[in-house]
Amino acid sequence: MAVVGPSFIALQVHDLEASARFYEERLGLTRAAVSPPHAVVFDTQPVPFAVRDPAVDLDAVDKLGWGVALWLKAEDVEKIHDDLADHGVRIVTAPFDGPFGRTFAFADPDGYVVTLHG
């Protein structure tokens, strides 16, 4: 018996629609055809990614997602970086060339640090 790997990833957020718009407008994600009422699921491959209403008190901690590394693959990392920076999104790690290609990290509207790579 063995675990195969991740099959679903979701971030609990303060404002579901604002976060969903951020991921749609700034990262170009597309909403899946069906989502439960408390979440917005995106049509990402190979693993679905979602934002959802919180099941815990998000204000009970200083930093959301502390210790978790969320990496998303993108086709044009530099273009997305420039768009995020132009829209005032906090860039946590400036773009650099790493083992997964062009890479940078930003903070989403809730402060989750997300790394994009090429």
PDB file of N, CA and C in Angstrom:
ATOM      1  N   MET A   1       0.846  -1.173   0.000  1.00  0.00           N
ATOM      2  CA  MET A   1       0.000   0.000   0.000  1.00  0.00           C
ATOM      3  C   MET A   1       0.894   1.239   0.000  1.00  0.00           C
ATOM      4  N   ALA A   2       0.594   2.214  -0.874  1.00  0.00           N
ATOM      5  CA  ALA A   2       1.397   3.430  -0.965  1.00  0.00           C
ATOM      6  C   ALA A   2       0.528   4.589  -1.432  1.00  0.00           C
ATOM      7  N   VAL A   3       0.881   5.763  -1.005  1.00  0.00           N
ATOM      8  CA  VAL A   3       0.232   6.980  -1.482  1.00  0.00           C
ATOM      9  C   VAL A   3       0.762   7.260  -2.880  1.00  0.00           C
ATOM     10  N   VAL A   4      -0.119   7.647  -3.792  1.00  0.00           N
ATOM     11  CA  VAL A   4       0.266   7.910  -5.171  1.00  0.00           C
ATOM     12  C   VAL A   4       0.781   9.339  -5.332  1.00  0.00           C
ATOM     13  N   GLY A   5       0.152  10.300  -4.675  1.00  0.00           N
ATOM     14  CA  GLY A   5       0.566  11.699  -4.785  1.00  0.00           C
ATOM     15  C   GLY A   5      -0.610  12.620  -4.576  1.00  0.00           C
ATOM     16  N   PRO A   6      -0.373  13.930  -4.637  1.00  0.00           N
ATOM     17  CA  PRO A   6      -1.457  14.887  -4.418  1.00  0.00           C
ATOM     18  C   PRO A   6      -2.551  14.737  -5.468  1.00  0.00           C
ATOM     19  N   SER A   7      -3.804  14.856  -5.034  1.00  0.00           N
ATOM     20  CA  SER A   7      -4.921  14.775  -5.974  1.00  0.00           C
ATOM     21  C   SER A   7      -5.810  16.017  -5.925  1.00  0.00           C
ATOM     22  N   PHE A   8      -5.576  16.895  -4.946  1.00  0.00           N
ATOM     23  CA  PHE A   8      -6.369  18.121  -4.831  1.00  0.00           C
ATOM     24  C   PHE A   8      -5.646  19.063  -3.886  1.00  0.00           C
ATOM     25  N   ILE A   9      -5.570  20.340  -4.253  1.00  0.00           N
ATOM     26  CA  ILE A   9      -4.939  21.350  -3.404  1.00  0.00           C
ATOM     27  C   ILE A   9      -5.897  22.520  -3.270  1.00  0.00           C
ATOM     28  N   ALA A  10      -6.132  22.978  -2.038  1.00  0.00           N
ATOM     29  CA  ALA A  10      -7.022  24.122  -1.812  1.00  0.00           C
ATOM     30  C   ALA A  10      -6.429  25.040  -0.757  1.00  0.00           C
ATOM     31  N   LEU A  11      -6.620  26.334  -0.963  1.00  0.00           N
ATOM     32  CA  LEU A  11      -6.239  27.334   0.025  1.00  0.00           C
ATOM     33  C   LEU A  11      -7.502  27.882   0.660  1.00  0.00           C
ATOM     34  N   GLN A  12      -7.515  27.944   1.985  1.00  0.00           N
ATOM     35  CA  GLN A  12      -8.630  28.560   2.701  1.00  0.00           C
ATOM     36  C   GLN A  12      -8.384  30.067   2.714  1.00  0.00           C
ATOM     37  N   VAL A  13      -9.385  30.838   2.309  1.00  0.00           N
ATOM     38  CA  VAL A  13      -9.205  32.275   2.102  1.00  0.00           C
ATOM     39  C   VAL A  13     -10.267  33.085   2.836  1.00  0.00           C
ATOM     40  N   HIS A  14      -9.940  34.341   3.084  1.00  0.00           N
ATOM     41  CA  HIS A  14     -10.868  35.241   3.777  1.00  0.00           C
ATOM     42  C   HIS A  14     -12.060  35.642   2.901  1.00  0.00           C
ATOM     43  N   ASP A  15     -11.807  35.944   1.631  1.00  0.00           N
ATOM     44  CA  ASP A  15     -12.848  36.429   0.716  1.00  0.00           C
ATOM     45  C   ASP A  15     -12.796  35.567  -0.546  1.00  0.00           C
ATOM     46  N   LEU A  16     -13.719  34.625  -0.645  1.00  0.00           N
ATOM     47  CA  LEU A  16     -13.711  33.632  -1.712  1.00  0.00           C
ATOM     48  C   LEU A  16     -13.715  34.277  -3.098  1.00  0.00           C
ATOM     49  N   GLU A  17     -14.643  35.182  -3.347  1.00  0.00           N
ATOM     50  CA  GLU A  17     -14.748  35.774  -4.688  1.00  0.00           C
ATOM     51  C   GLU A  17     -13.545  36.653  -5.016  1.00  0.00           C
ATOM     52  N   ALA A  18     -13.021  37.409  -4.054  1.00  0.00           N
ATOM     53  CA  ALA A  18     -11.836  38.238  -4.317  1.00  0.00           C
ATOM     54  C   ALA A  18     -10.630  37.366  -4.653  1.00  0.00           C
ATOM     55  N   SER A  19     -10.450  36.282  -3.921  1.00  0.00           N
ATOM     56  CA  SER A  19      -9.335  35.378  -4.204  1.00  0.00           C
ATOM     57  C   SER A  19      -9.512  34.684  -5.546  1.00  0.00           C
ATOM     58  N   ALA A  20     -10.726  34.254  -5.840  1.00  0.00           N
ATOM     59  CA  ALA A  20     -10.983  33.602  -7.131  1.00  0.00           C
ATOM     60  C   ALA A  20     -10.679  34.563  -8.280  1.00  0.00           C
ATOM     61  N   ARG A  21     -11.104  35.818  -8.150  1.00  0.00           N
ATOM     62  CA  ARG A  21     -10.814  36.819  -9.183  1.00  0.00           C
ATOM     63  C   ARG A  21      -9.310  37.026  -9.337  1.00  0.00           C
ATOM     64  N   PHE A  22      -8.584  37.082  -8.207  1.00  0.00           N
ATOM     65  CA  PHE A  22      -7.136  37.250  -8.258  1.00  0.00           C
ATOM     66  C   PHE A  22      -6.506  36.132  -9.079  1.00  0.00           C
ATOM     67  N   TYR A  23      -6.837  34.888  -8.791  1.00  0.00           N
ATOM     68  CA  TYR A  23      -6.232  33.762  -9.496  1.00  0.00           C
ATOM     69  C   TYR A  23      -6.678  33.706 -10.964  1.00  0.00           C
ATOM     70  N   GLU A  24      -7.886  34.167 -11.253  1.00  0.00           N
ATOM     71  CA  GLU A  24      -8.349  34.229 -12.641  1.00  0.00           C
ATOM     72  C   GLU A  24      -7.659  35.357 -13.403  1.00  0.00           C
ATOM     73  N   GLU A  25      -7.741  36.563 -12.844  1.00  0.00           N
ATOM     74  CA  GLU A  25      -7.261  37.744 -13.554  1.00  0.00           C
ATOM     75  C   GLU A  25      -5.743  37.866 -13.571  1.00  0.00           C
ATOM     76  N   ARG A  26      -5.087  37.549 -12.498  1.00  0.00           N
ATOM     77  CA  ARG A  26      -3.637  37.741 -12.420  1.00  0.00           C
ATOM     78  C   ARG A  26      -2.854  36.525 -12.903  1.00  0.00           C
ATOM     79  N   LEU A  27      -3.379  35.306 -12.705  1.00  0.00           N
ATOM     80  CA  LEU A  27      -2.646  34.112 -13.117  1.00  0.00           C
ATOM     81  C   LEU A  27      -3.251  33.423 -14.332  1.00  0.00           C
ATOM     82  N   GLY A  28      -4.436  33.860 -14.736  1.00  0.00           N
ATOM     83  CA  GLY A  28      -5.053  33.283 -15.927  1.00  0.00           C
ATOM     84  C   GLY A  28      -5.696  31.924 -15.726  1.00  0.00           C
ATOM     85  N   LEU A  29      -5.954  31.545 -14.465  1.00  0.00           N
ATOM     86  CA  LEU A  29      -6.611  30.255 -14.227  1.00  0.00           C
ATOM     87  C   LEU A  29      -8.072  30.326 -14.663  1.00  0.00           C
ATOM     88  N   THR A  30      -8.610  29.180 -15.059  1.00  0.00           N
ATOM     89  CA  THR A  30      -9.993  29.069 -15.510  1.00  0.00           C
ATOM     90  C   THR A  30     -10.776  28.251 -14.490  1.00  0.00           C
ATOM     91  N   ARG A  31     -11.953  28.745 -14.137  1.00  0.00           N
ATOM     92  CA  ARG A  31     -12.804  27.997 -13.211  1.00  0.00           C
ATOM     93  C   ARG A  31     -13.246  26.676 -13.842  1.00  0.00           C
ATOM     94  N   ALA A  32     -13.265  25.641 -13.028  1.00  0.00           N
ATOM     95  CA  ALA A  32     -13.773  24.348 -13.478  1.00  0.00           C
ATOM     96  C   ALA A  32     -15.281  24.463 -13.702  1.00  0.00           C
ATOM     97  N   ALA A  33     -15.825  23.557 -14.471  1.00  0.00           N
ATOM     98  CA  ALA A  33     -17.255  23.586 -14.789  1.00  0.00           C
ATOM     99  C   ALA A  33     -18.115  23.457 -13.539  1.00  0.00           C
ATOM    100  N   VAL A  34     -17.628  22.725 -12.532  1.00  0.00           N
ATOM    101  CA  VAL A  34     -18.406  22.497 -11.315  1.00  0.00           C
ATOM    102  C   VAL A  34     -17.517  22.736 -10.096  1.00  0.00           C
ATOM    103  N   SER A  35     -18.071  23.479  -9.129  1.00  0.00           N
ATOM    104  CA  SER A  35     -17.406  23.693  -7.845  1.00  0.00           C
ATOM    105  C   SER A  35     -18.453  23.576  -6.757  1.00  0.00           C
ATOM    106  N   PRO A  36     -18.063  23.117  -5.566  1.00  0.00           N
ATOM    107  CA  PRO A  36     -19.021  23.111  -4.469  1.00  0.00           C
ATOM    108  C   PRO A  36     -19.342  24.556  -4.065  1.00  0.00           C
ATOM    109  N   PRO A  37     -20.435  24.786  -3.343  1.00  0.00           N
ATOM    110  CA  PRO A  37     -20.844  26.155  -3.012  1.00  0.00           C
ATOM    111  C   PRO A  37     -19.837  26.921  -2.156  1.00  0.00           C
ATOM    112  N   HIS A  38     -18.980  26.249  -1.426  1.00  0.00           N
ATOM    113  CA  HIS A  38     -18.040  26.920  -0.527  1.00  0.00           C
ATOM    114  C   HIS A  38     -16.641  27.059  -1.124  1.00  0.00           C
ATOM    115  N   ALA A  39     -16.516  26.797  -2.442  1.00  0.00           N
ATOM    116  CA  ALA A  39     -15.193  26.816  -3.051  1.00  0.00           C
ATOM    117  C   ALA A  39     -15.276  27.208  -4.520  1.00  0.00           C
ATOM    118  N   VAL A  40     -14.140  27.627  -5.041  1.00  0.00           N
ATOM    119  CA  VAL A  40     -13.977  27.810  -6.478  1.00  0.00           C
ATOM    120  C   VAL A  40     -12.824  26.909  -6.883  1.00  0.00           C
ATOM    121  N   VAL A  41     -13.131  25.932  -7.724  1.00  0.00           N
ATOM    122  CA  VAL A  41     -12.133  24.989  -8.212  1.00  0.00           C
ATOM    123  C   VAL A  41     -11.701  25.456  -9.595  1.00  0.00           C
ATOM    124  N   PHE A  42     -10.397  25.398  -9.847  1.00  0.00           N
ATOM    125  CA  PHE A  42      -9.860  25.794 -11.141  1.00  0.00           C
ATOM    126  C   PHE A  42      -9.501  24.556 -11.941  1.00  0.00           C
ATOM    127  N   ASP A  43      -9.566  24.703 -13.252  1.00  0.00           N
ATOM    128  CA  ASP A  43      -9.269  23.605 -14.168  1.00  0.00           C
ATOM    129  C   ASP A  43      -7.759  23.543 -14.397  1.00  0.00           C
ATOM    130  N   THR A  44      -7.022  23.096 -13.384  1.00  0.00           N
ATOM    131  CA  THR A  44      -5.568  22.965 -13.479  1.00  0.00           C
ATOM    132  C   THR A  44      -5.211  21.497 -13.654  1.00  0.00           C
ATOM    133  N   GLN A  45      -4.085  21.255 -14.282  1.00  0.00           N
ATOM    134  CA  GLN A  45      -3.646  19.890 -14.553  1.00  0.00           C
ATOM    135  C   GLN A  45      -2.226  19.688 -14.050  1.00  0.00           C
ATOM    136  N   PRO A  46      -1.841  18.576 -13.538  1.00  0.00           N
ATOM    137  CA  PRO A  46      -2.654  17.373 -13.388  1.00  0.00           C
ATOM    138  C   PRO A  46      -3.469  17.359 -12.105  1.00  0.00           C
ATOM    139  N   VAL A  47      -3.268  18.332 -11.221  1.00  0.00           N
ATOM    140  CA  VAL A  47      -3.943  18.337  -9.926  1.00  0.00           C
ATOM    141  C   VAL A  47      -4.866  19.555  -9.843  1.00  0.00           C
ATOM    142  N   PRO A  48      -6.146  19.375  -9.526  1.00  0.00           N
ATOM    143  CA  PRO A  48      -7.032  20.524  -9.353  1.00  0.00           C
ATOM    144  C   PRO A  48      -6.576  21.408  -8.187  1.00  0.00           C
ATOM    145  N   PHE A  49      -6.710  22.719  -8.391  1.00  0.00           N
ATOM    146  CA  PHE A  49      -6.360  23.716  -7.392  1.00  0.00           C
ATOM    147  C   PHE A  49      -7.609  24.526  -7.112  1.00  0.00           C
ATOM    148  N   ALA A  50      -7.825  24.901  -5.837  1.00  0.00           N
ATOM    149  CA  ALA A  50      -9.036  25.644  -5.474  1.00  0.00           C
ATOM    150  C   ALA A  50      -8.741  26.650  -4.381  1.00  0.00           C
ATOM    151  N   VAL A  51      -9.637  27.622  -4.268  1.00  0.00           N
ATOM    152  CA  VAL A  51      -9.719  28.483  -3.093  1.00  0.00           C
ATOM    153  C   VAL A  51     -11.067  28.177  -2.464  1.00  0.00           C
ATOM    154  N   ARG A  52     -11.124  28.252  -1.144  1.00  0.00           N
ATOM    155  CA  ARG A  52     -12.363  27.869  -0.471  1.00  0.00           C
ATOM    156  C   ARG A  52     -12.585  28.713   0.774  1.00  0.00           C
ATOM    157  N   ASP A  53     -13.840  28.725   1.211  1.00  0.00           N
ATOM    158  CA  ASP A  53     -14.162  29.371   2.479  1.00  0.00           C
ATOM    159  C   ASP A  53     -13.394  28.663   3.583  1.00  0.00           C
ATOM    160  N   PRO A  54     -13.016  29.384   4.620  1.00  0.00           N
ATOM    161  CA  PRO A  54     -12.229  28.755   5.690  1.00  0.00           C
ATOM    162  C   PRO A  54     -13.042  27.788   6.537  1.00  0.00           C
ATOM    163  N   ALA A  55     -12.369  26.719   6.943  1.00  0.00           N
ATOM    164  CA  ALA A  55     -12.936  25.762   7.881  1.00  0.00           C
ATOM    165  C   ALA A  55     -12.306  25.950   9.259  1.00  0.00           C
ATOM    166  N   VAL A  56     -11.379  26.893   9.336  1.00  0.00           N
ATOM    167  CA  VAL A  56     -10.681  27.224  10.581  1.00  0.00           C
ATOM    168  C   VAL A  56     -10.631  28.743  10.703  1.00  0.00           C
ATOM    169  N   ASP A  57     -10.200  29.240  11.849  1.00  0.00           N
ATOM    170  CA  ASP A  57     -10.063  30.678  12.060  1.00  0.00           C
ATOM    171  C   ASP A  57      -8.747  31.137  11.448  1.00  0.00           C
ATOM    172  N   LEU A  58      -8.811  31.739  10.280  1.00  0.00           N
ATOM    173  CA  LEU A  58      -7.606  32.172   9.583  1.00  0.00           C
ATOM    174  C   LEU A  58      -6.864  33.283  10.323  1.00  0.00           C
ATOM    175  N   ASP A  59      -7.575  33.999  11.173  1.00  0.00           N
ATOM    176  CA  ASP A  59      -6.949  35.098  11.910  1.00  0.00           C
ATOM    177  C   ASP A  59      -6.260  34.635  13.195  1.00  0.00           C
ATOM    178  N   ALA A  60      -6.285  33.342  13.463  1.00  0.00           N
ATOM    179  CA  ALA A  60      -5.672  32.804  14.682  1.00  0.00           C
ATOM    180  C   ALA A  60      -4.161  32.618  14.539  1.00  0.00           C
ATOM    181  N   VAL A  61      -3.634  32.822  13.322  1.00  0.00           N
ATOM    182  CA  VAL A  61      -2.191  32.668  13.094  1.00  0.00           C
ATOM    183  C   VAL A  61      -1.640  33.927  12.440  1.00  0.00           C
ATOM    184  N   ASP A  62      -0.330  34.120  12.576  1.00  0.00           N
ATOM    185  CA  ASP A  62       0.312  35.293  11.987  1.00  0.00           C
ATOM    186  C   ASP A  62       0.498  35.167  10.477  1.00  0.00           C
ATOM    187  N   LYS A  63       0.843  33.954  10.011  1.00  0.00           N
ATOM    188  CA  LYS A  63       1.095  33.737   8.590  1.00  0.00           C
ATOM    189  C   LYS A  63       0.357  32.483   8.138  1.00  0.00           C
ATOM    190  N   LEU A  64      -0.436  32.636   7.093  1.00  0.00           N
ATOM    191  CA  LEU A  64      -1.138  31.482   6.535  1.00  0.00           C
ATOM    192  C   LEU A  64      -0.175  30.638   5.710  1.00  0.00           C
ATOM    193  N   GLY A  65      -0.286  29.341   5.829  1.00  0.00           N
ATOM    194  CA  GLY A  65       0.526  28.433   5.036  1.00  0.00           C
ATOM    195  C   GLY A  65       1.971  28.328   5.463  1.00  0.00           C
ATOM    196  N   TRP A  66       2.292  28.830   6.643  1.00  0.00           N
ATOM    197  CA  TRP A  66       3.667  28.803   7.118  1.00  0.00           C
ATOM    198  C   TRP A  66       4.220  27.385   7.043  1.00  0.00           C
ATOM    199  N   GLY A  67       5.349  27.223   6.375  1.00  0.00           N
ATOM    200  CA  GLY A  67       5.984  25.923   6.271  1.00  0.00           C
ATOM    201  C   GLY A  67       5.538  25.085   5.081  1.00  0.00           C
ATOM    202  N   VAL A  68       4.545  25.539   4.334  1.00  0.00           N
ATOM    203  CA  VAL A  68       4.081  24.805   3.162  1.00  0.00           C
ATOM    204  C   VAL A  68       4.613  25.507   1.911  1.00  0.00           C
ATOM    205  N   ALA A  69       5.161  24.751   0.990  1.00  0.00           N
ATOM    206  CA  ALA A  69       5.657  25.312  -0.268  1.00  0.00           C
ATOM    207  C   ALA A  69       4.670  24.960  -1.378  1.00  0.00           C
ATOM    208  N   LEU A  70       4.054  25.969  -1.959  1.00  0.00           N
ATOM    209  CA  LEU A  70       3.114  25.769  -3.061  1.00  0.00           C
ATOM    210  C   LEU A  70       3.767  26.295  -4.331  1.00  0.00           C
ATOM    211  N   TRP A  71       4.059  25.391  -5.250  1.00  0.00           N
ATOM    212  CA  TRP A  71       4.676  25.731  -6.522  1.00  0.00           C
ATOM    213  C   TRP A  71       3.687  25.440  -7.636  1.00  0.00           C
ATOM    214  N   LEU A  72       3.523  26.412  -8.534  1.00  0.00           N
ATOM    215  CA  LEU A  72       2.662  26.243  -9.695  1.00  0.00           C
ATOM    216  C   LEU A  72       3.491  26.447 -10.956  1.00  0.00           C
ATOM    217  N   LYS A  73       3.270  25.614 -11.942  1.00  0.00           N
ATOM    218  CA  LYS A  73       3.982  25.725 -13.214  1.00  0.00           C
ATOM    219  C   LYS A  73       3.253  26.720 -14.107  1.00  0.00           C
ATOM    220  N   ALA A  74       4.017  27.532 -14.832  1.00  0.00           N
ATOM    221  CA  ALA A  74       3.438  28.543 -15.712  1.00  0.00           C
ATOM    222  C   ALA A  74       4.186  28.559 -17.046  1.00  0.00           C
ATOM    223  N   GLU A  75       3.518  29.048 -18.072  1.00  0.00           N
ATOM    224  CA  GLU A  75       4.134  29.098 -19.399  1.00  0.00           C
ATOM    225  C   GLU A  75       5.001  30.329 -19.596  1.00  0.00           C
ATOM    226  N   ASP A  76       4.624  31.481 -19.081  1.00  0.00           N
ATOM    227  CA  ASP A  76       5.396  32.705 -19.277  1.00  0.00           C
ATOM    228  C   ASP A  76       5.595  33.385 -17.926  1.00  0.00           C
ATOM    229  N   VAL A  77       6.529  32.848 -17.157  1.00  0.00           N
ATOM    230  CA  VAL A  77       6.758  33.297 -15.786  1.00  0.00           C
ATOM    231  C   VAL A  77       7.097  34.783 -15.736  1.00  0.00           C
ATOM    232  N   GLU A  78       7.955  35.237 -16.626  1.00  0.00           N
ATOM    233  CA  GLU A  78       8.387  36.642 -16.612  1.00  0.00           C
ATOM    234  C   GLU A  78       7.208  37.584 -16.854  1.00  0.00           C
ATOM    235  N   LYS A  79       6.342  37.235 -17.788  1.00  0.00           N
ATOM    236  CA  LYS A  79       5.167  38.063 -18.096  1.00  0.00           C
ATOM    237  C   LYS A  79       4.233  38.124 -16.882  1.00  0.00           C
ATOM    238  N   ILE A  80       4.016  36.994 -16.245  1.00  0.00           N
ATOM    239  CA  ILE A  80       3.150  36.976 -15.062  1.00  0.00           C
ATOM    240  C   ILE A  80       3.789  37.790 -13.938  1.00  0.00           C
ATOM    241  N   HIS A  81       5.083  37.632 -13.743  1.00  0.00           N
ATOM    242  CA  HIS A  81       5.790  38.432 -12.723  1.00  0.00           C
ATOM    243  C   HIS A  81       5.565  39.923 -12.968  1.00  0.00           C
ATOM    244  N   ASP A  82       5.797  40.360 -14.207  1.00  0.00           N
ATOM    245  CA  ASP A  82       5.666  41.779 -14.531  1.00  0.00           C
ATOM    246  C   ASP A  82       4.243  42.279 -14.292  1.00  0.00           C
ATOM    247  N   ASP A  83       3.249  41.478 -14.666  1.00  0.00           N
ATOM    248  CA  ASP A  83       1.854  41.862 -14.461  1.00  0.00           C
ATOM    249  C   ASP A  83       1.536  41.970 -12.969  1.00  0.00           C
ATOM    250  N   LEU A  84       1.980  40.998 -12.188  1.00  0.00           N
ATOM    251  CA  LEU A  84       1.728  41.045 -10.743  1.00  0.00           C
ATOM    252  C   LEU A  84       2.380  42.284 -10.133  1.00  0.00           C
ATOM    253  N   ALA A  85       3.636  42.529 -10.483  1.00  0.00           N
ATOM    254  CA  ALA A  85       4.346  43.696  -9.946  1.00  0.00           C
ATOM    255  C   ALA A  85       3.643  44.987 -10.358  1.00  0.00           C
ATOM    256  N   ASP A  86       3.202  45.064 -11.614  1.00  0.00           N
ATOM    257  CA  ASP A  86       2.495  46.259 -12.095  1.00  0.00           C
ATOM    258  C   ASP A  86       1.181  46.483 -11.362  1.00  0.00           C
ATOM    259  N   HIS A  87       0.581  45.416 -10.833  1.00  0.00           N
ATOM    260  CA  HIS A  87      -0.684  45.530 -10.101  1.00  0.00           C
ATOM    261  C   HIS A  87      -0.483  45.580  -8.590  1.00  0.00           C
ATOM    262  N   GLY A  88       0.742  45.828  -8.157  1.00  0.00           N
ATOM    263  CA  GLY A  88       1.012  46.030  -6.740  1.00  0.00           C
ATOM    264  C   GLY A  88       1.051  44.776  -5.899  1.00  0.00           C
ATOM    265  N   VAL A  89       1.143  43.611  -6.526  1.00  0.00           N
ATOM    266  CA  VAL A  89       1.233  42.364  -5.778  1.00  0.00           C
ATOM    267  C   VAL A  89       2.642  42.260  -5.198  1.00  0.00           C
ATOM    268  N   ARG A  90       2.741  41.875  -3.940  1.00  0.00           N
ATOM    269  CA  ARG A  90       4.040  41.784  -3.277  1.00  0.00           C
ATOM    270  C   ARG A  90       4.832  40.610  -3.838  1.00  0.00           C
ATOM    271  N   ILE A  91       5.997  40.930  -4.389  1.00  0.00           N
ATOM    272  CA  ILE A  91       6.909  39.908  -4.883  1.00  0.00           C
ATOM    273  C   ILE A  91       7.807  39.512  -3.716  1.00  0.00           C
ATOM    274  N   VAL A  92       7.777  38.250  -3.342  1.00  0.00           N
ATOM    275  CA  VAL A  92       8.526  37.746  -2.196  1.00  0.00           C
ATOM    276  C   VAL A  92       9.951  37.380  -2.598  1.00  0.00           C
ATOM    277  N   THR A  93      10.101  36.750  -3.757  1.00  0.00           N
ATOM    278  CA  THR A  93      11.413  36.377  -4.292  1.00  0.00           C
ATOM    279  C   THR A  93      11.466  36.829  -5.742  1.00  0.00           C
ATOM    280  N   ALA A  94      12.456  37.650  -6.071  1.00  0.00           N
ATOM    281  CA  ALA A  94      12.612  38.136  -7.439  1.00  0.00           C
ATOM    282  C   ALA A  94      12.895  36.970  -8.390  1.00  0.00           C
ATOM    283  N   PRO A  95      12.579  37.150  -9.673  1.00  0.00           N
ATOM    284  CA  PRO A  95      12.827  36.082 -10.641  1.00  0.00           C
ATOM    285  C   PRO A  95      14.298  35.663 -10.684  1.00  0.00           C
ATOM    286  N   PHE A  96      14.489  34.350 -10.823  1.00  0.00           N
ATOM    287  CA  PHE A  96      15.830  33.786 -10.963  1.00  0.00           C
ATOM    288  C   PHE A  96      15.718  32.507 -11.775  1.00  0.00           C
ATOM    289  N   ASP A  97      16.837  32.072 -12.324  1.00  0.00           N
ATOM    290  CA  ASP A  97      16.868  30.812 -13.062  1.00  0.00           C
ATOM    291  C   ASP A  97      17.272  29.711 -12.103  1.00  0.00           C
ATOM    292  N   GLY A  98      16.417  28.715 -11.946  1.00  0.00           N
ATOM    293  CA  GLY A  98      16.668  27.608 -11.032  1.00  0.00           C
ATOM    294  C   GLY A  98      16.505  26.276 -11.727  1.00  0.00           C
ATOM    295  N   PRO A  99      16.522  25.194 -10.975  1.00  0.00           N
ATOM    296  CA  PRO A  99      16.429  23.854 -11.574  1.00  0.00           C
ATOM    297  C   PRO A  99      15.099  23.592 -12.278  1.00  0.00           C
ATOM    298  N   PHE A 100      14.061  24.396 -11.982  1.00  0.00           N
ATOM    299  CA  PHE A 100      12.764  24.227 -12.635  1.00  0.00           C
ATOM    300  C   PHE A 100      12.500  25.334 -13.648  1.00  0.00           C
ATOM    301  N   GLY A 101      13.541  26.038 -14.060  1.00  0.00           N
ATOM    302  CA  GLY A 101      13.391  27.132 -15.012  1.00  0.00           C
ATOM    303  C   GLY A 101      13.253  28.461 -14.301  1.00  0.00           C
ATOM    304  N   ARG A 102      12.739  29.444 -15.026  1.00  0.00           N
ATOM    305  CA  ARG A 102      12.543  30.784 -14.453  1.00  0.00           C
ATOM    306  C   ARG A 102      11.569  30.656 -13.296  1.00  0.00           C
ATOM    307  N   THR A 103      11.923  31.265 -12.163  1.00  0.00           N
ATOM    308  CA  THR A 103      11.180  31.064 -10.922  1.00  0.00           C
ATOM    309  C   THR A 103      11.078  32.375 -10.158  1.00  0.00           C
ATOM    310  N   PHE A 104       9.933  32.601  -9.501  1.00  0.00           N
ATOM    311  CA  PHE A 104       9.777  33.705  -8.545  1.00  0.00           C
ATOM    312  C   PHE A 104       8.630  33.369  -7.605  1.00  0.00           C
ATOM    313  N   ALA A 105       8.532  34.120  -6.519  1.00  0.00           N
ATOM    314  CA  ALA A 105       7.456  33.897  -5.549  1.00  0.00           C
ATOM    315  C   ALA A 105       6.745  35.216  -5.263  1.00  0.00           C
ATOM    316  N   PHE A 106       5.446  35.121  -5.009  1.00  0.00           N
ATOM    317  CA  PHE A 106       4.630  36.295  -4.682  1.00  0.00           C
ATOM    318  C   PHE A 106       3.694  35.940  -3.539  1.00  0.00           C
ATOM    319  N   ALA A 107       3.103  36.963  -2.943  1.00  0.00           N
ATOM    320  CA  ALA A 107       2.103  36.764  -1.897  1.00  0.00           C
ATOM    321  C   ALA A 107       0.723  37.025  -2.498  1.00  0.00           C
ATOM    322  N   ASP A 108      -0.201  36.082  -2.297  1.00  0.00           N
ATOM    323  CA  ASP A 108      -1.556  36.258  -2.812  1.00  0.00           C
ATOM    324  C   ASP A 108      -2.336  37.185  -1.875  1.00  0.00           C
ATOM    325  N   PRO A 109      -3.607  37.474  -2.161  1.00  0.00           N
ATOM    326  CA  PRO A 109      -4.347  38.429  -1.317  1.00  0.00           C
ATOM    327  C   PRO A 109      -4.427  38.072   0.171  1.00  0.00           C
ATOM    328  N   ASP A 110      -4.318  36.787   0.513  1.00  0.00           N
ATOM    329  CA  ASP A 110      -4.351  36.377   1.911  1.00  0.00           C
ATOM    330  C   ASP A 110      -2.969  36.285   2.534  1.00  0.00           C
ATOM    331  N   GLY A 111      -1.932  36.479   1.721  1.00  0.00           N
ATOM    332  CA  GLY A 111      -0.581  36.391   2.227  1.00  0.00           C
ATOM    333  C   GLY A 111       0.082  35.042   2.013  1.00  0.00           C
ATOM    334  N   TYR A 112      -0.631  34.093   1.377  1.00  0.00           N
ATOM    335  CA  TYR A 112       0.005  32.827   1.044  1.00  0.00           C
ATOM    336  C   TYR A 112       1.137  33.107   0.053  1.00  0.00           C
ATOM    337  N   VAL A 113       2.289  32.497   0.271  1.00  0.00           N
ATOM    338  CA  VAL A 113       3.392  32.639  -0.665  1.00  0.00           C
ATOM    339  C   VAL A 113       3.273  31.530  -1.707  1.00  0.00           C
ATOM    340  N   VAL A 114       3.208  31.947  -2.963  1.00  0.00           N
ATOM    341  CA  VAL A 114       3.081  31.028  -4.089  1.00  0.00           C
ATOM    342  C   VAL A 114       4.300  31.211  -4.980  1.00  0.00           C
ATOM    343  N   THR A 115       4.921  30.105  -5.356  1.00  0.00           N
ATOM    344  CA  THR A 115       6.065  30.154  -6.259  1.00  0.00           C
ATOM    345  C   THR A 115       5.625  29.711  -7.639  1.00  0.00           C
ATOM    346  N   LEU A 116       5.985  30.492  -8.636  1.00  0.00           N
ATOM    347  CA  LEU A 116       5.721  30.124 -10.033  1.00  0.00           C
ATOM    348  C   LEU A 116       7.046  29.763 -10.678  1.00  0.00           C
ATOM    349  N   HIS A 117       7.003  28.743 -11.526  1.00  0.00           N
ATOM    350  CA  HIS A 117       8.209  28.357 -12.257  1.00  0.00           C
ATOM    351  C   HIS A 117       7.835  27.960 -13.664  1.00  0.00           C
ATOM    352  N   GLY A 118       8.837  28.009 -14.562  1.00  0.00           N
ATOM    353  CA  GLY A 118       8.614  27.741 -15.971  1.00  0.00           C
ATOM    354  C   GLY A 118       8.666  26.300 -16.346  1.00  0.00           C
TER     355      GLY A 118
END
